């Protein structure tokens, strides 16, 4: 087993086939010691077929979460959190393309897709971090300031990350695929920092502003799923692959845990937001109970209605 060394991907790529593994470490990249078997579809060789099924499920579930977020018309942070789910959706699409082998590693476009995928991972985590500040009302949610701050900063993060990625893969501007320390820092160090800060912010938010402590369970379960996913991918992958006879590896279970973590982010956001029913649109109709018997239909019918000439007419509910 390859030993861990800060700034290098040898240990991680020895466990699972990350999208960047064919492009760092050496001219031929780094291959995992054990990976799930491939399947042939016509002239195309498909890698990680079991993981691809989870990717499809993740796309479907993300679509459902986006739909439910968009139907909560007046919920706090609705427009901000939906950007996170859109970014996660794009990340899964890119990961599907580079992990499956649909875009082959030998193709000239592969480094650009891999760079875009890694940049999208970092940008998605950055967007999640910024959503962590929405509950503190640093800017009123849904306003141009709040939305464009996330959009512009996310675009900058993606651009910087993409440049570092492609420069590392292509040995440009002083970067080298033999020493990918800057790429290692933004991929692992910054990514982990974004998640930890987000979790801490939400714990502070719930403890200081909410009477209900149940949302803490949602955010902690989400964090636990994320950590367990990392363990499956970078600690247990070889053992899983060997025990499963190469049918699945750690990436399969890691992808499941990542999806569960994202679903818990949605569950947490849903549990701490309340929709203002007075202004909601498209929801179920509300039944209002009339407490005053004189204002009920029977009371109005018994009293009748003045016709303007001092006479009273019986109230007809079908006439206006």
C-alpha atoms as a PDB file:
ATOM      1  CA  UNK A   1       0.000   0.000   0.000  1.00  0.00           C
ATOM      2  CA  UNK A   2       1.226   3.480  -0.901  1.00  0.00           C
ATOM      3  CA  UNK A   3       1.977   5.701   2.095  1.00  0.00           C
ATOM      4  CA  UNK A   4       0.217   9.030   2.535  1.00  0.00           C
ATOM      5  CA  UNK A   5       2.254  12.096   1.637  1.00  0.00           C
ATOM      6  CA  UNK A   6       0.891  15.621   1.907  1.00  0.00           C
ATOM      7  CA  UNK A   7       0.667  17.368  -1.452  1.00  0.00           C
ATOM      8  CA  UNK A   8       0.559  14.171  -3.496  1.00  0.00           C
ATOM      9  CA  UNK A   9      -2.355  12.046  -4.705  1.00  0.00           C
ATOM     10  CA  UNK A  10      -0.499   8.697  -4.807  1.00  0.00           C
ATOM     11  CA  UNK A  11      -2.195   7.310  -1.691  1.00  0.00           C
ATOM     12  CA  UNK A  12      -5.694   8.430  -2.717  1.00  0.00           C
ATOM     13  CA  UNK A  13      -5.380   7.303  -6.339  1.00  0.00           C
ATOM     14  CA  UNK A  14      -4.090   3.940  -5.127  1.00  0.00           C
ATOM     15  CA  UNK A  15      -7.460   3.495  -3.376  1.00  0.00           C
ATOM     16  CA  UNK A  16      -9.995   4.727  -5.983  1.00  0.00           C
ATOM     17  CA  UNK A  17      -9.909   6.123  -9.505  1.00  0.00           C
ATOM     18  CA  UNK A  18     -10.454   9.852  -9.021  1.00  0.00           C
ATOM     19  CA  UNK A  19     -10.995  11.855 -12.186  1.00  0.00           C
ATOM     20  CA  UNK A  20      -7.580  13.492 -11.782  1.00  0.00           C
ATOM     21  CA  UNK A  21      -5.628  10.270 -11.197  1.00  0.00           C
ATOM     22  CA  UNK A  22      -4.750   9.622 -14.883  1.00  0.00           C
ATOM     23  CA  UNK A  23      -3.251  13.120 -15.065  1.00  0.00           C
ATOM     24  CA  UNK A  24      -0.999  13.425 -12.000  1.00  0.00           C
ATOM     25  CA  UNK A  25       1.960  11.619 -10.453  1.00  0.00           C
ATOM     26  CA  UNK A  26       3.539  10.596 -13.733  1.00  0.00           C
ATOM     27  CA  UNK A  27       3.021  10.892 -17.463  1.00  0.00           C
ATOM     28  CA  UNK A  28       0.809   7.793 -17.387  1.00  0.00           C
ATOM     29  CA  UNK A  29      -1.026   8.794 -14.207  1.00  0.00           C
ATOM     30  CA  UNK A  30      -1.766   6.630 -11.168  1.00  0.00           C
ATOM     31  CA  UNK A  31      -3.961   3.532 -11.227  1.00  0.00           C
ATOM     32  CA  UNK A  32      -5.761   2.104  -8.177  1.00  0.00           C
ATOM     33  CA  UNK A  33      -4.592  -1.223  -6.798  1.00  0.00           C
ATOM     34  CA  UNK A  34      -8.120  -2.635  -7.080  1.00  0.00           C
ATOM     35  CA  UNK A  35     -11.120  -1.275  -8.956  1.00  0.00           C
ATOM     36  CA  UNK A  36     -14.527  -2.544 -10.006  1.00  0.00           C
ATOM     37  CA  UNK A  37     -14.734  -4.526 -13.226  1.00  0.00           C
ATOM     38  CA  UNK A  38     -15.778  -2.855 -16.452  1.00  0.00           C
ATOM     39  CA  UNK A  39     -18.550  -3.723 -18.867  1.00  0.00           C
ATOM     40  CA  UNK A  40     -18.506  -3.464 -22.641  1.00  0.00           C
ATOM     41  CA  UNK A  41     -21.371  -1.782 -24.458  1.00  0.00           C
ATOM     42  CA  UNK A  42     -20.806  -2.054 -28.176  1.00  0.00           C
ATOM     43  CA  UNK A  43     -17.445  -0.431 -28.857  1.00  0.00           C
ATOM     44  CA  UNK A  44     -17.507   1.513 -25.555  1.00  0.00           C
ATOM     45  CA  UNK A  45     -15.908   0.260 -22.359  1.00  0.00           C
ATOM     46  CA  UNK A  46     -17.853   1.472 -19.312  1.00  0.00           C
ATOM     47  CA  UNK A  47     -16.007   1.892 -16.016  1.00  0.00           C
ATOM     48  CA  UNK A  48     -17.587   1.761 -12.538  1.00  0.00           C
ATOM     49  CA  UNK A  49     -21.015   0.556 -13.789  1.00  0.00           C
ATOM     50  CA  UNK A  50     -22.483   0.157 -10.291  1.00  0.00           C
ATOM     51  CA  UNK A  51     -21.391   3.671  -9.342  1.00  0.00           C
ATOM     52  CA  UNK A  52     -22.974   5.051 -12.504  1.00  0.00           C
ATOM     53  CA  UNK A  53     -26.326   3.658 -11.379  1.00  0.00           C
ATOM     54  CA  UNK A  54     -25.961   5.658  -8.151  1.00  0.00           C
ATOM     55  CA  UNK A  55     -25.115   8.726 -10.240  1.00  0.00           C
ATOM     56  CA  UNK A  56     -28.383   8.357 -12.126  1.00  0.00           C
ATOM     57  CA  UNK A  57     -30.280   7.969  -8.851  1.00  0.00           C
ATOM     58  CA  UNK A  58     -28.478  11.059  -7.526  1.00  0.00           C
ATOM     59  CA  UNK A  59     -29.564  13.083 -10.565  1.00  0.00           C
ATOM     60  CA  UNK A  60     -33.162  11.983 -10.067  1.00  0.00           C
ATOM     61  CA  UNK A  61     -33.160  12.742  -6.339  1.00  0.00           C
ATOM     62  CA  UNK A  62     -31.500  16.120  -6.898  1.00  0.00           C
ATOM     63  CA  UNK A  63     -34.214  17.006  -9.387  1.00  0.00           C
ATOM     64  CA  UNK A  64     -36.845  16.179  -6.772  1.00  0.00           C
ATOM     65  CA  UNK A  65     -35.083  18.293  -4.146  1.00  0.00           C
ATOM     66  CA  UNK A  66     -34.814  21.235  -6.547  1.00  0.00           C
ATOM     67  CA  UNK A  67     -38.530  20.949  -7.321  1.00  0.00           C
ATOM     68  CA  UNK A  68     -39.518  20.954  -3.649  1.00  0.00           C
ATOM     69  CA  UNK A  69     -37.227  23.887  -2.860  1.00  0.00           C
ATOM     70  CA  UNK A  70     -38.719  25.920  -5.695  1.00  0.00           C
ATOM     71  CA  UNK A  71     -42.282  25.198  -4.512  1.00  0.00           C
ATOM     72  CA  UNK A  72     -41.568  26.777  -1.095  1.00  0.00           C
ATOM     73  CA  UNK A  73     -42.115  30.226  -2.538  1.00  0.00           C
ATOM     74  CA  UNK A  74     -41.574  32.275   0.604  1.00  0.00           C
ATOM     75  CA  UNK A  75     -39.085  30.122   2.520  1.00  0.00           C
ATOM     76  CA  UNK A  76     -35.934  31.846   3.761  1.00  0.00           C
ATOM     77  CA  UNK A  77     -32.882  31.230   1.577  1.00  0.00           C
ATOM     78  CA  UNK A  78     -34.852  29.413  -1.144  1.00  0.00           C
ATOM     79  CA  UNK A  79     -33.032  31.015  -4.086  1.00  0.00           C
ATOM     80  CA  UNK A  80     -29.650  30.640  -2.419  1.00  0.00           C
ATOM     81  CA  UNK A  81     -29.929  26.946  -1.506  1.00  0.00           C
ATOM     82  CA  UNK A  82     -31.303  25.966  -4.908  1.00  0.00           C
ATOM     83  CA  UNK A  83     -28.047  27.202  -6.470  1.00  0.00           C
ATOM     84  CA  UNK A  84     -26.193  24.634  -4.370  1.00  0.00           C
ATOM     85  CA  UNK A  85     -28.402  21.830  -5.683  1.00  0.00           C
ATOM     86  CA  UNK A  86     -27.966  23.029  -9.269  1.00  0.00           C
ATOM     87  CA  UNK A  87     -24.196  22.936  -8.807  1.00  0.00           C
ATOM     88  CA  UNK A  88     -24.353  19.466  -7.273  1.00  0.00           C
ATOM     89  CA  UNK A  89     -26.413  18.334 -10.276  1.00  0.00           C
ATOM     90  CA  UNK A  90     -23.774  19.654 -12.703  1.00  0.00           C
ATOM     91  CA  UNK A  91     -21.008  18.026 -10.637  1.00  0.00           C
ATOM     92  CA  UNK A  92     -22.710  14.637 -10.888  1.00  0.00           C
ATOM     93  CA  UNK A  93     -23.108  15.011 -14.668  1.00  0.00           C
ATOM     94  CA  UNK A  94     -19.399  15.812 -15.093  1.00  0.00           C
ATOM     95  CA  UNK A  95     -18.400  12.992 -12.758  1.00  0.00           C
ATOM     96  CA  UNK A  96     -20.595  10.604 -14.734  1.00  0.00           C
ATOM     97  CA  UNK A  97     -18.770  11.537 -17.931  1.00  0.00           C
ATOM     98  CA  UNK A  98     -15.200  11.293 -16.632  1.00  0.00           C
ATOM     99  CA  UNK A  99     -15.585   8.304 -14.302  1.00  0.00           C
ATOM    100  CA  UNK A 100     -17.566   6.147 -16.716  1.00  0.00           C
ATOM    101  CA  UNK A 101     -15.043   6.363 -19.525  1.00  0.00           C
ATOM    102  CA  UNK A 102     -17.527   7.997 -21.890  1.00  0.00           C
ATOM    103  CA  UNK A 103     -14.801  10.609 -22.249  1.00  0.00           C
ATOM    104  CA  UNK A 104     -11.748   8.410 -22.439  1.00  0.00           C
ATOM    105  CA  UNK A 105      -8.597   9.336 -20.553  1.00  0.00           C
ATOM    106  CA  UNK A 106      -6.568   9.243 -23.782  1.00  0.00           C
ATOM    107  CA  UNK A 107      -8.822  11.821 -25.435  1.00  0.00           C
ATOM    108  CA  UNK A 108      -7.441  15.354 -25.723  1.00  0.00           C
ATOM    109  CA  UNK A 109     -10.590  16.763 -24.082  1.00  0.00           C
ATOM    110  CA  UNK A 110     -10.298  14.622 -20.941  1.00  0.00           C
ATOM    111  CA  UNK A 111      -8.000  16.998 -18.990  1.00  0.00           C
ATOM    112  CA  UNK A 112     -10.444  19.845 -19.533  1.00  0.00           C
ATOM    113  CA  UNK A 113     -13.440  17.808 -18.387  1.00  0.00           C
ATOM    114  CA  UNK A 114     -11.492  16.547 -15.368  1.00  0.00           C
ATOM    115  CA  UNK A 115     -10.422  20.114 -14.535  1.00  0.00           C
ATOM    116  CA  UNK A 116     -14.022  21.319 -14.880  1.00  0.00           C
ATOM    117  CA  UNK A 117     -15.241  18.474 -12.651  1.00  0.00           C
ATOM    118  CA  UNK A 118     -12.749  19.189  -9.859  1.00  0.00           C
ATOM    119  CA  UNK A 119     -13.438  22.921 -10.099  1.00  0.00           C
ATOM    120  CA  UNK A 120     -17.164  22.183  -9.861  1.00  0.00           C
ATOM    121  CA  UNK A 121     -16.640  20.098  -6.718  1.00  0.00           C
ATOM    122  CA  UNK A 122     -14.831  22.982  -5.025  1.00  0.00           C
ATOM    123  CA  UNK A 123     -17.360  25.546  -6.243  1.00  0.00           C
ATOM    124  CA  UNK A 124     -20.274  23.459  -4.967  1.00  0.00           C
ATOM    125  CA  UNK A 125     -18.703  23.296  -1.519  1.00  0.00           C
ATOM    126  CA  UNK A 126     -18.036  27.046  -1.661  1.00  0.00           C
ATOM    127  CA  UNK A 127     -21.700  27.676  -2.481  1.00  0.00           C
ATOM    128  CA  UNK A 128     -22.694  25.464   0.454  1.00  0.00           C
ATOM    129  CA  UNK A 129     -20.435  27.509   2.739  1.00  0.00           C
ATOM    130  CA  UNK A 130     -22.015  30.788   1.610  1.00  0.00           C
ATOM    131  CA  UNK A 131     -25.458  29.303   2.238  1.00  0.00           C
ATOM    132  CA  UNK A 132     -24.307  28.779   5.802  1.00  0.00           C
ATOM    133  CA  UNK A 133     -24.213  32.558   6.262  1.00  0.00           C
ATOM    134  CA  UNK A 134     -27.710  33.154   4.864  1.00  0.00           C
ATOM    135  CA  UNK A 135     -29.397  32.306   8.163  1.00  0.00           C
ATOM    136  CA  UNK A 136     -27.354  35.022   9.899  1.00  0.00           C
ATOM    137  CA  UNK A 137     -28.898  37.602   7.532  1.00  0.00           C
ATOM    138  CA  UNK A 138     -25.585  39.173   6.474  1.00  0.00           C
ATOM    139  CA  UNK A 139     -27.728  40.298   3.541  1.00  0.00           C
ATOM    140  CA  UNK A 140     -31.451  39.868   3.151  1.00  0.00           C
ATOM    141  CA  UNK A 141     -32.077  36.566   1.417  1.00  0.00           C
ATOM    142  CA  UNK A 142     -33.401  36.626  -2.121  1.00  0.00           C
ATOM    143  CA  UNK A 143     -32.106  40.123  -2.801  1.00  0.00           C
ATOM    144  CA  UNK A 144     -29.712  40.922  -5.683  1.00  0.00           C
ATOM    145  CA  UNK A 145     -26.895  41.506  -3.178  1.00  0.00           C
ATOM    146  CA  UNK A 146     -27.271  38.058  -1.664  1.00  0.00           C
ATOM    147  CA  UNK A 147     -27.766  36.216  -4.956  1.00  0.00           C
ATOM    148  CA  UNK A 148     -25.093  37.971  -6.995  1.00  0.00           C
ATOM    149  CA  UNK A 149     -22.558  37.704  -4.185  1.00  0.00           C
ATOM    150  CA  UNK A 150     -22.920  33.923  -4.376  1.00  0.00           C
ATOM    151  CA  UNK A 151     -22.976  33.844  -8.178  1.00  0.00           C
ATOM    152  CA  UNK A 152     -19.960  36.071  -8.781  1.00  0.00           C
ATOM    153  CA  UNK A 153     -17.818  34.588  -6.010  1.00  0.00           C
ATOM    154  CA  UNK A 154     -18.694  31.052  -7.158  1.00  0.00           C
ATOM    155  CA  UNK A 155     -17.710  31.936 -10.709  1.00  0.00           C
ATOM    156  CA  UNK A 156     -14.380  33.301  -9.453  1.00  0.00           C
ATOM    157  CA  UNK A 157     -13.738  30.185  -7.354  1.00  0.00           C
ATOM    158  CA  UNK A 158     -14.540  27.964 -10.329  1.00  0.00           C
ATOM    159  CA  UNK A 159     -12.279  29.972 -12.651  1.00  0.00           C
ATOM    160  CA  UNK A 160      -9.307  29.985 -10.288  1.00  0.00           C
ATOM    161  CA  UNK A 161      -9.721  26.291  -9.531  1.00  0.00           C
ATOM    162  CA  UNK A 162     -10.079  25.410 -13.212  1.00  0.00           C
ATOM    163  CA  UNK A 163      -6.904  27.326 -14.068  1.00  0.00           C
ATOM    164  CA  UNK A 164      -4.892  25.591 -11.335  1.00  0.00           C
ATOM    165  CA  UNK A 165      -6.260  22.210 -12.398  1.00  0.00           C
ATOM    166  CA  UNK A 166      -5.545  22.533 -16.110  1.00  0.00           C
ATOM    167  CA  UNK A 167      -2.169  24.206 -15.484  1.00  0.00           C
ATOM    168  CA  UNK A 168      -1.199  21.268 -13.260  1.00  0.00           C
ATOM    169  CA  UNK A 169      -2.320  18.686 -15.807  1.00  0.00           C
ATOM    170  CA  UNK A 170      -0.582  20.487 -18.698  1.00  0.00           C
ATOM    171  CA  UNK A 171       2.520  21.611 -16.779  1.00  0.00           C
ATOM    172  CA  UNK A 172       1.815  25.280 -17.450  1.00  0.00           C
ATOM    173  CA  UNK A 173       2.719  28.511 -15.609  1.00  0.00           C
ATOM    174  CA  UNK A 174       5.121  26.786 -13.221  1.00  0.00           C
ATOM    175  CA  UNK A 175       2.654  24.063 -12.175  1.00  0.00           C
ATOM    176  CA  UNK A 176       3.616  20.399 -12.499  1.00  0.00           C
ATOM    177  CA  UNK A 177       1.671  17.159 -12.509  1.00  0.00           C
ATOM    178  CA  UNK A 178       4.625  15.567 -10.732  1.00  0.00           C
ATOM    179  CA  UNK A 179       4.209  17.937  -7.775  1.00  0.00           C
ATOM    180  CA  UNK A 180       0.501  18.803  -7.636  1.00  0.00           C
ATOM    181  CA  UNK A 181       0.597  20.437  -4.185  1.00  0.00           C
ATOM    182  CA  UNK A 182      -1.582  23.484  -5.131  1.00  0.00           C
ATOM    183  CA  UNK A 183      -4.211  21.164  -6.600  1.00  0.00           C
ATOM    184  CA  UNK A 184      -4.021  18.991  -3.484  1.00  0.00           C
ATOM    185  CA  UNK A 185      -4.607  22.027  -1.253  1.00  0.00           C
ATOM    186  CA  UNK A 186      -7.692  23.314  -3.071  1.00  0.00           C
ATOM    187  CA  UNK A 187      -9.151  19.829  -3.516  1.00  0.00           C
ATOM    188  CA  UNK A 188      -8.705  18.438  -0.024  1.00  0.00           C
ATOM    189  CA  UNK A 189      -7.736  21.261   2.362  1.00  0.00           C
ATOM    190  CA  UNK A 190     -10.077  23.955   1.082  1.00  0.00           C
ATOM    191  CA  UNK A 191     -12.887  21.467   0.464  1.00  0.00           C
ATOM    192  CA  UNK A 192     -12.652  20.107   4.010  1.00  0.00           C
ATOM    193  CA  UNK A 193     -12.457  23.632   5.451  1.00  0.00           C
ATOM    194  CA  UNK A 194     -15.606  24.724   3.591  1.00  0.00           C
ATOM    195  CA  UNK A 195     -17.564  21.782   4.972  1.00  0.00           C
ATOM    196  CA  UNK A 196     -16.319  22.134   8.547  1.00  0.00           C
ATOM    197  CA  UNK A 197     -17.056  25.870   8.653  1.00  0.00           C
ATOM    198  CA  UNK A 198     -20.543  25.276   7.240  1.00  0.00           C
ATOM    199  CA  UNK A 199     -21.324  22.644   9.878  1.00  0.00           C
ATOM    200  CA  UNK A 200     -20.049  24.845  12.713  1.00  0.00           C
ATOM    201  CA  UNK A 201     -22.068  27.804  11.450  1.00  0.00           C
ATOM    202  CA  UNK A 202     -25.247  25.749  11.397  1.00  0.00           C
ATOM    203  CA  UNK A 203     -24.654  24.440  14.910  1.00  0.00           C
ATOM    204  CA  UNK A 204     -24.245  28.023  16.148  1.00  0.00           C
ATOM    205  CA  UNK A 205     -27.345  29.099  14.224  1.00  0.00           C
ATOM    206  CA  UNK A 206     -29.550  26.355  15.652  1.00  0.00           C
ATOM    207  CA  UNK A 207     -28.302  26.707  19.232  1.00  0.00           C
ATOM    208  CA  UNK A 208     -28.601  30.496  19.338  1.00  0.00           C
ATOM    209  CA  UNK A 209     -31.733  31.180  17.309  1.00  0.00           C
ATOM    210  CA  UNK A 210     -33.994  28.118  17.326  1.00  0.00           C
ATOM    211  CA  UNK A 211     -35.959  26.549  20.148  1.00  0.00           C
ATOM    212  CA  UNK A 212     -36.083  23.238  18.295  1.00  0.00           C
ATOM    213  CA  UNK A 213     -32.880  21.186  18.463  1.00  0.00           C
ATOM    214  CA  UNK A 214     -33.941  18.495  15.985  1.00  0.00           C
ATOM    215  CA  UNK A 215     -32.249  20.234  13.004  1.00  0.00           C
ATOM    216  CA  UNK A 216     -28.929  19.528  14.735  1.00  0.00           C
ATOM    217  CA  UNK A 217     -29.556  15.852  14.060  1.00  0.00           C
ATOM    218  CA  UNK A 218     -30.032  16.545  10.357  1.00  0.00           C
ATOM    219  CA  UNK A 219     -26.794  18.468   9.956  1.00  0.00           C
ATOM    220  CA  UNK A 220     -24.788  16.034  12.087  1.00  0.00           C
ATOM    221  CA  UNK A 221     -26.156  13.037  10.189  1.00  0.00           C
ATOM    222  CA  UNK A 222     -25.199  14.752   6.946  1.00  0.00           C
ATOM    223  CA  UNK A 223     -21.662  15.355   8.199  1.00  0.00           C
ATOM    224  CA  UNK A 224     -21.453  11.755   9.418  1.00  0.00           C
ATOM    225  CA  UNK A 225     -22.504  10.452   5.990  1.00  0.00           C
ATOM    226  CA  UNK A 226     -19.809  12.595   4.379  1.00  0.00           C
ATOM    227  CA  UNK A 227     -17.091  11.279   6.721  1.00  0.00           C
ATOM    228  CA  UNK A 228     -18.213   7.665   6.291  1.00  0.00           C
ATOM    229  CA  UNK A 229     -18.115   8.177   2.518  1.00  0.00           C
ATOM    230  CA  UNK A 230     -14.486   9.306   2.760  1.00  0.00           C
ATOM    231  CA  UNK A 231     -13.650   6.234   4.835  1.00  0.00           C
ATOM    232  CA  UNK A 232     -15.238   3.967   2.230  1.00  0.00           C
ATOM    233  CA  UNK A 233     -13.301   5.658  -0.562  1.00  0.00           C
ATOM    234  CA  UNK A 234      -9.858   6.210   0.939  1.00  0.00           C
ATOM    235  CA  UNK A 235      -9.554   3.601   3.695  1.00  0.00           C
ATOM    236  CA  UNK A 236     -11.716   0.579   2.913  1.00  0.00           C
ATOM    237  CA  UNK A 237     -11.874   0.665  -0.882  1.00  0.00           C
ATOM    238  CA  UNK A 238      -9.246  -2.021  -1.496  1.00  0.00           C
ATOM    239  CA  UNK A 239     -10.817  -4.414   1.024  1.00  0.00           C
ATOM    240  CA  UNK A 240     -14.311  -3.818  -0.388  1.00  0.00           C
ATOM    241  CA  UNK A 241     -13.099  -4.354  -3.935  1.00  0.00           C
ATOM    242  CA  UNK A 242     -11.300  -7.570  -3.011  1.00  0.00           C
ATOM    243  CA  UNK A 243     -14.216  -8.976  -0.983  1.00  0.00           C
ATOM    244  CA  UNK A 244     -16.759  -8.059  -3.691  1.00  0.00           C
ATOM    245  CA  UNK A 245     -14.685  -9.794  -6.397  1.00  0.00           C
ATOM    246  CA  UNK A 246     -14.239  -6.500  -8.248  1.00  0.00           C
ATOM    247  CA  UNK A 247     -17.977  -5.932  -8.719  1.00  0.00           C
ATOM    248  CA  UNK A 248     -17.905  -2.748  -6.605  1.00  0.00           C
ATOM    249  CA  UNK A 249     -15.268  -0.711  -4.809  1.00  0.00           C
ATOM    250  CA  UNK A 250     -15.177   2.125  -2.316  1.00  0.00           C
ATOM    251  CA  UNK A 251     -16.358   4.671  -4.876  1.00  0.00           C
ATOM    252  CA  UNK A 252     -19.748   2.941  -5.020  1.00  0.00           C
ATOM    253  CA  UNK A 253     -20.404   3.348  -1.286  1.00  0.00           C
ATOM    254  CA  UNK A 254     -18.729   6.754  -1.187  1.00  0.00           C
ATOM    255  CA  UNK A 255     -21.103   8.053  -3.860  1.00  0.00           C
ATOM    256  CA  UNK A 256     -24.083   6.719  -1.909  1.00  0.00           C
ATOM    257  CA  UNK A 257     -22.887   8.470   1.244  1.00  0.00           C
ATOM    258  CA  UNK A 258     -22.313  11.727  -0.652  1.00  0.00           C
ATOM    259  CA  UNK A 259     -25.879  11.596  -1.954  1.00  0.00           C
ATOM    260  CA  UNK A 260     -27.206  10.930   1.549  1.00  0.00           C
ATOM    261  CA  UNK A 261     -25.172  13.864   2.883  1.00  0.00           C
ATOM    262  CA  UNK A 262     -26.677  16.193   0.266  1.00  0.00           C
ATOM    263  CA  UNK A 263     -30.162  14.889   1.063  1.00  0.00           C
ATOM    264  CA  UNK A 264     -29.559  15.679   4.737  1.00  0.00           C
ATOM    265  CA  UNK A 265     -28.561  19.221   3.744  1.00  0.00           C
ATOM    266  CA  UNK A 266     -31.964  19.528   2.085  1.00  0.00           C
ATOM    267  CA  UNK A 267     -33.681  17.971   5.119  1.00  0.00           C
ATOM    268  CA  UNK A 268     -31.871  20.389   7.429  1.00  0.00           C
ATOM    269  CA  UNK A 269     -32.781  23.435   5.323  1.00  0.00           C
ATOM    270  CA  UNK A 270     -36.391  22.287   5.107  1.00  0.00           C
ATOM    271  CA  UNK A 271     -36.586  21.812   8.881  1.00  0.00           C
ATOM    272  CA  UNK A 272     -35.342  25.304   9.750  1.00  0.00           C
ATOM    273  CA  UNK A 273     -37.399  27.223   7.184  1.00  0.00           C
ATOM    274  CA  UNK A 274     -41.054  28.043   7.483  1.00  0.00           C
ATOM    275  CA  UNK A 275     -43.202  29.203   4.598  1.00  0.00           C
ATOM    276  CA  UNK A 276     -45.360  32.286   5.075  1.00  0.00           C
ATOM    277  CA  UNK A 277     -48.791  30.883   4.239  1.00  0.00           C
ATOM    278  CA  UNK A 278     -50.262  34.342   3.775  1.00  0.00           C
ATOM    279  CA  UNK A 279     -48.207  34.851   0.645  1.00  0.00           C
ATOM    280  CA  UNK A 280     -47.724  31.282  -0.560  1.00  0.00           C
ATOM    281  CA  UNK A 281     -48.889  30.401  -4.051  1.00  0.00           C
ATOM    282  CA  UNK A 282     -49.936  27.062  -5.373  1.00  0.00           C
ATOM    283  CA  UNK A 283     -50.157  25.382  -2.007  1.00  0.00           C
ATOM    284  CA  UNK A 284     -53.107  23.560  -0.539  1.00  0.00           C
ATOM    285  CA  UNK A 285     -56.088  25.686   0.313  1.00  0.00           C
ATOM    286  CA  UNK A 286     -56.461  26.510   3.987  1.00  0.00           C
ATOM    287  CA  UNK A 287     -59.639  25.915   5.933  1.00  0.00           C
ATOM    288  CA  UNK A 288     -60.449  28.876   8.180  1.00  0.00           C
ATOM    289  CA  UNK A 289     -62.654  28.172  11.185  1.00  0.00           C
ATOM    290  CA  UNK A 290     -65.139  30.953  12.035  1.00  0.00           C
ATOM    291  CA  UNK A 291     -65.395  31.401  15.784  1.00  0.00           C
ATOM    292  CA  UNK A 292     -68.204  33.994  15.869  1.00  0.00           C
ATOM    293  CA  UNK A 293     -71.581  32.259  15.308  1.00  0.00           C
ATOM    294  CA  UNK A 294     -73.076  35.502  13.958  1.00  0.00           C
ATOM    295  CA  UNK A 295     -70.558  35.428  11.085  1.00  0.00           C
ATOM    296  CA  UNK A 296     -71.283  31.824  10.092  1.00  0.00           C
ATOM    297  CA  UNK A 297     -73.490  30.997   7.111  1.00  0.00           C
ATOM    298  CA  UNK A 298     -76.373  30.019   9.389  1.00  0.00           C
ATOM    299  CA  UNK A 299     -76.090  33.225  11.382  1.00  0.00           C
ATOM    300  CA  UNK A 300     -76.115  35.407   8.310  1.00  0.00           C
ATOM    301  CA  UNK A 301     -79.081  33.540   6.864  1.00  0.00           C
ATOM    302  CA  UNK A 302     -81.014  33.985  10.091  1.00  0.00           C
ATOM    303  CA  UNK A 303     -80.347  37.713  10.239  1.00  0.00           C
ATOM    304  CA  UNK A 304     -81.041  38.327   6.543  1.00  0.00           C
ATOM    305  CA  UNK A 305     -79.621  41.348   4.741  1.00  0.00           C
ATOM    306  CA  UNK A 306     -80.733  44.963   4.437  1.00  0.00           C
ATOM    307  CA  UNK A 307     -81.768  45.830   0.850  1.00  0.00           C
ATOM    308  CA  UNK A 308     -81.068  49.554   1.352  1.00  0.00           C
ATOM    309  CA  UNK A 309     -84.764  50.571   1.834  1.00  0.00           C
ATOM    310  CA  UNK A 310     -85.041  49.471   5.397  1.00  0.00           C
ATOM    311  CA  UNK A 311     -86.260  46.028   4.338  1.00  0.00           C
ATOM    312  CA  UNK A 312     -84.436  42.784   4.947  1.00  0.00           C
ATOM    313  CA  UNK A 313     -83.943  40.069   2.363  1.00  0.00           C
ATOM    314  CA  UNK A 314     -82.913  36.534   3.056  1.00  0.00           C
ATOM    315  CA  UNK A 315     -79.257  35.930   2.218  1.00  0.00           C
ATOM    316  CA  UNK A 316     -78.691  33.890  -0.897  1.00  0.00           C
ATOM    317  CA  UNK A 317     -75.232  32.406  -0.969  1.00  0.00           C
ATOM    318  CA  UNK A 318     -75.420  31.935  -4.732  1.00  0.00           C
ATOM    319  CA  UNK A 319     -76.220  35.572  -5.546  1.00  0.00           C
ATOM    320  CA  UNK A 320     -73.765  38.494  -5.588  1.00  0.00           C
END
